[in-house]
Amino acid sequence: MDCLDASKTRFSCRMFEKGTMSREDERAIIEAGMSAPSAMNRRPYDIIAIHDQSIYASLESEKPTLSLFKENPLSLLIVVDLGKNDKMEFYEQDASAVAENMLLAATALGYGSLWAGITEGSAFQAGLSKILGIPEGHKPVIFLSFGKKLEHKEVRASRYEEGKLHLERW
């Protein structure tokens, strides 16, 4: 599947098959993320790959939707390094570019994916930091999960809206 098809067919999958993912596919997804653009090429992120399903049980009280991740063979947590930029700028944009590349790569490889939001300053964010041993000066910002889809959605109509495009000026 090419990138344009992946961008049009990806959806937030909430039902996954039990199973595994090959290390080759896992690496391809992560490599796609690490190929994302980054402001000033600082690449202010690290990625934690999670295969241990028991981690979710200790975090479910903070984010009940994590129960959707229990069957998935792979979750990826994008953590930003707050020391990479003295102006404290562009972390969210860089992490989001990494995440989008991973989501599209997973779609192209035939996997479903789900993005679980992490609210700034939330108990969930603090819990992730504590349980996963994230060092001081780093914070988790995006949590993704991947697996074989049990649900399949029809390709939706184009989301292109002429009225949202402004040429030269508003």
Protein backbone atom coordinates (compact mmCIF):
# COMPACT_ATOMS: atom_id res chain seq x y z
CA MET A 1 0.00 0.00 0.00
CA ASP A 2 1.38 3.42 -0.83
CA CYS A 3 1.45 6.43 1.46
CA LEU A 4 -1.55 8.15 -0.13
CA ASP A 5 -3.71 5.05 0.29
CA ALA A 6 -2.51 4.60 3.88
CA SER A 7 -3.39 8.21 4.70
CA LYS A 8 -6.91 7.76 3.34
CA THR A 9 -7.66 4.35 4.87
CA ARG A 10 -6.11 4.52 8.35
CA PHE A 11 -8.61 4.61 11.21
CA SER A 12 -8.50 4.33 14.99
CA CYS A 13 -8.89 0.61 15.46
CA ARG A 14 -10.36 -0.52 18.78
CA MET A 15 -10.67 -4.27 18.19
CA PHE A 16 -7.57 -6.36 17.68
CA GLU A 17 -6.75 -10.04 17.25
CA LYS A 18 -4.58 -11.78 19.79
CA GLY A 19 -1.26 -12.50 18.27
CA THR A 20 2.22 -11.34 17.58
CA MET A 21 3.98 -9.00 15.23
CA SER A 22 7.21 -9.88 13.48
CA ARG A 23 10.31 -8.04 14.66
CA GLU A 24 10.79 -6.92 11.06
CA ASP A 25 7.39 -5.22 11.00
CA GLU A 26 7.96 -3.72 14.45
CA ARG A 27 11.30 -2.30 13.32
CA ALA A 28 9.77 -0.97 10.07
CA ILE A 29 7.12 0.93 12.06
CA ILE A 30 9.69 2.37 14.46
CA GLU A 31 12.09 3.23 11.65
CA ALA A 32 9.30 5.08 9.83
CA GLY A 33 8.71 7.10 12.99
CA MET A 34 12.37 7.93 13.36
CA SER A 35 12.40 9.08 9.72
CA ALA A 36 9.97 11.90 10.51
CA PRO A 37 11.03 15.51 10.14
CA SER A 38 12.21 17.28 13.27
CA ALA A 39 12.65 20.99 13.92
CA MET A 40 16.33 21.83 13.51
CA ASN A 41 16.92 18.05 13.36
CA ARG A 42 17.06 17.90 17.16
CA ARG A 43 15.04 14.66 17.27
CA PRO A 44 14.04 15.29 20.92
CA TYR A 45 12.41 11.93 21.46
CA ASP A 46 12.97 8.41 22.66
CA ILE A 47 10.59 5.53 22.07
CA ILE A 48 9.68 2.82 24.56
CA ALA A 49 8.46 -0.41 22.94
CA ILE A 50 6.03 -2.25 25.21
CA HIS A 51 5.25 -5.94 24.76
CA ASP A 52 4.43 -6.79 28.40
CA GLN A 53 0.65 -6.72 28.73
CA SER A 54 0.80 -6.54 32.55
CA ILE A 55 1.94 -2.92 32.32
CA TYR A 56 -1.55 -1.89 31.25
CA ALA A 57 -3.18 -3.29 34.39
CA SER A 58 -1.18 -0.93 36.58
CA LEU A 59 -2.24 2.07 34.50
CA GLU A 60 -5.89 1.27 33.76
CA SER A 61 -7.19 3.16 36.78
CA GLU A 62 -5.68 6.33 35.31
CA LYS A 63 -6.80 5.65 31.72
CA PRO A 64 -9.56 3.04 31.36
CA THR A 65 -9.23 2.98 27.56
CA LEU A 66 -5.95 1.10 28.02
CA SER A 67 -8.06 -2.03 28.26
CA LEU A 68 -8.22 -1.77 24.44
CA PHE A 69 -4.45 -2.35 24.33
CA LYS A 70 -4.42 -5.62 26.26
CA GLU A 71 -4.50 -7.89 23.21
CA ASN A 72 -2.07 -5.89 21.11
CA PRO A 73 1.41 -7.24 20.47
CA LEU A 74 3.06 -3.81 20.44
CA SER A 75 2.60 -0.42 22.02
CA LEU A 76 4.98 2.47 21.51
CA LEU A 77 5.37 5.35 23.92
CA ILE A 78 6.96 8.50 22.54
CA VAL A 79 8.87 10.34 25.24
CA VAL A 80 10.34 13.81 24.70
CA ASP A 81 13.67 14.97 26.10
CA LEU A 82 13.09 18.43 27.54
CA GLY A 83 16.82 19.18 27.45
CA LYS A 84 17.12 19.02 23.65
CA ASN A 85 15.98 22.59 23.12
CA ASP A 86 16.63 25.47 25.50
CA LYS A 87 13.60 27.33 24.15
CA MET A 88 11.25 24.48 25.04
CA GLU A 89 9.66 24.55 21.59
CA PHE A 90 8.53 22.07 18.95
CA TYR A 91 8.42 18.96 21.17
CA GLU A 92 4.78 18.24 20.44
CA GLN A 93 5.16 18.83 16.71
CA ASP A 94 8.21 16.57 16.49
CA ALA A 95 6.54 13.81 18.51
CA SER A 96 3.37 14.10 16.42
CA ALA A 97 5.34 13.74 13.18
CA VAL A 98 6.96 10.58 14.60
CA ALA A 99 3.54 9.22 15.59
CA GLU A 100 1.90 9.94 12.24
CA ASN A 101 4.70 8.21 10.35
CA MET A 102 4.29 5.16 12.60
CA LEU A 103 0.52 5.08 12.13
CA LEU A 104 0.84 5.26 8.36
CA ALA A 105 3.58 2.61 8.28
CA ALA A 106 1.43 0.26 10.35
CA THR A 107 -1.50 0.79 7.99
CA ALA A 108 0.70 0.13 4.96
CA LEU A 109 1.85 -3.14 6.61
CA GLY A 110 -1.76 -4.23 7.25
CA TYR A 111 -1.96 -3.47 10.98
CA GLY A 112 -4.51 -1.50 12.92
CA SER A 113 -3.47 1.26 15.28
CA LEU A 114 -4.80 3.42 18.07
CA TRP A 115 -3.50 6.71 19.47
CA ALA A 116 -4.20 7.16 23.19
CA GLY A 117 -3.90 10.76 24.23
CA ILE A 118 -1.78 11.82 27.19
CA THR A 119 -2.98 14.99 28.87
CA GLU A 120 -0.20 17.29 30.04
CA GLY A 121 0.25 17.06 33.82
CA SER A 122 -2.22 14.17 34.16
CA ALA A 123 -2.01 11.29 36.61
CA PHE A 124 -1.69 9.03 33.55
CA GLN A 125 1.41 10.89 32.39
CA ALA A 126 2.92 10.70 35.89
CA GLY A 127 2.02 7.00 36.17
CA LEU A 128 3.69 6.21 32.86
CA SER A 129 6.83 8.03 33.99
CA LYS A 130 6.96 6.17 37.28
CA ILE A 131 6.09 2.67 36.07
CA LEU A 132 8.32 2.81 33.00
CA GLY A 133 11.26 4.48 34.77
CA ILE A 134 11.32 7.57 32.59
CA PRO A 135 14.15 9.81 33.80
CA GLU A 136 13.80 13.37 35.06
CA GLY A 137 13.77 15.89 32.23
CA HIS A 138 11.76 13.59 29.97
CA LYS A 139 8.00 13.23 29.60
CA PRO A 140 5.69 10.82 27.81
CA VAL A 141 3.54 12.59 25.25
CA ILE A 142 2.06 10.02 22.82
CA PHE A 143 0.98 6.41 23.38
CA LEU A 144 0.31 4.25 20.31
CA SER A 145 -0.79 0.64 20.04
CA PHE A 146 -0.63 -1.73 17.09
CA GLY A 147 -1.99 -5.13 16.14
CA LYS A 148 -3.92 -7.14 13.58
CA LYS A 149 -7.35 -5.60 13.06
CA LEU A 150 -10.52 -7.41 14.00
CA GLU A 151 -12.61 -4.55 12.71
CA HIS A 152 -12.54 -3.24 9.18
CA LYS A 153 -14.08 0.02 8.11
CA GLU A 154 -15.13 0.98 4.65
CA VAL A 155 -12.86 3.43 2.91
CA ARG A 156 -14.45 6.72 3.75
CA ALA A 157 -15.25 9.39 1.25
CA SER A 158 -12.59 11.99 0.68
CA ARG A 159 -12.26 14.41 3.57
CA TYR A 160 -11.01 17.12 1.27
CA GLU A 161 -13.06 20.29 1.70
CA GLU A 162 -12.52 23.10 -0.74
CA GLY A 163 -13.78 25.63 1.82
CA LYS A 164 -10.93 24.76 4.21
CA LEU A 165 -8.31 25.71 1.63
CA HIS A 166 -7.41 29.40 1.40
CA LEU A 167 -5.16 30.55 -1.41
CA GLU A 168 -2.54 33.14 -0.52
CA ARG A 169 -4.70 34.78 2.19
CA TRP A 170 -7.72 33.94 4.34
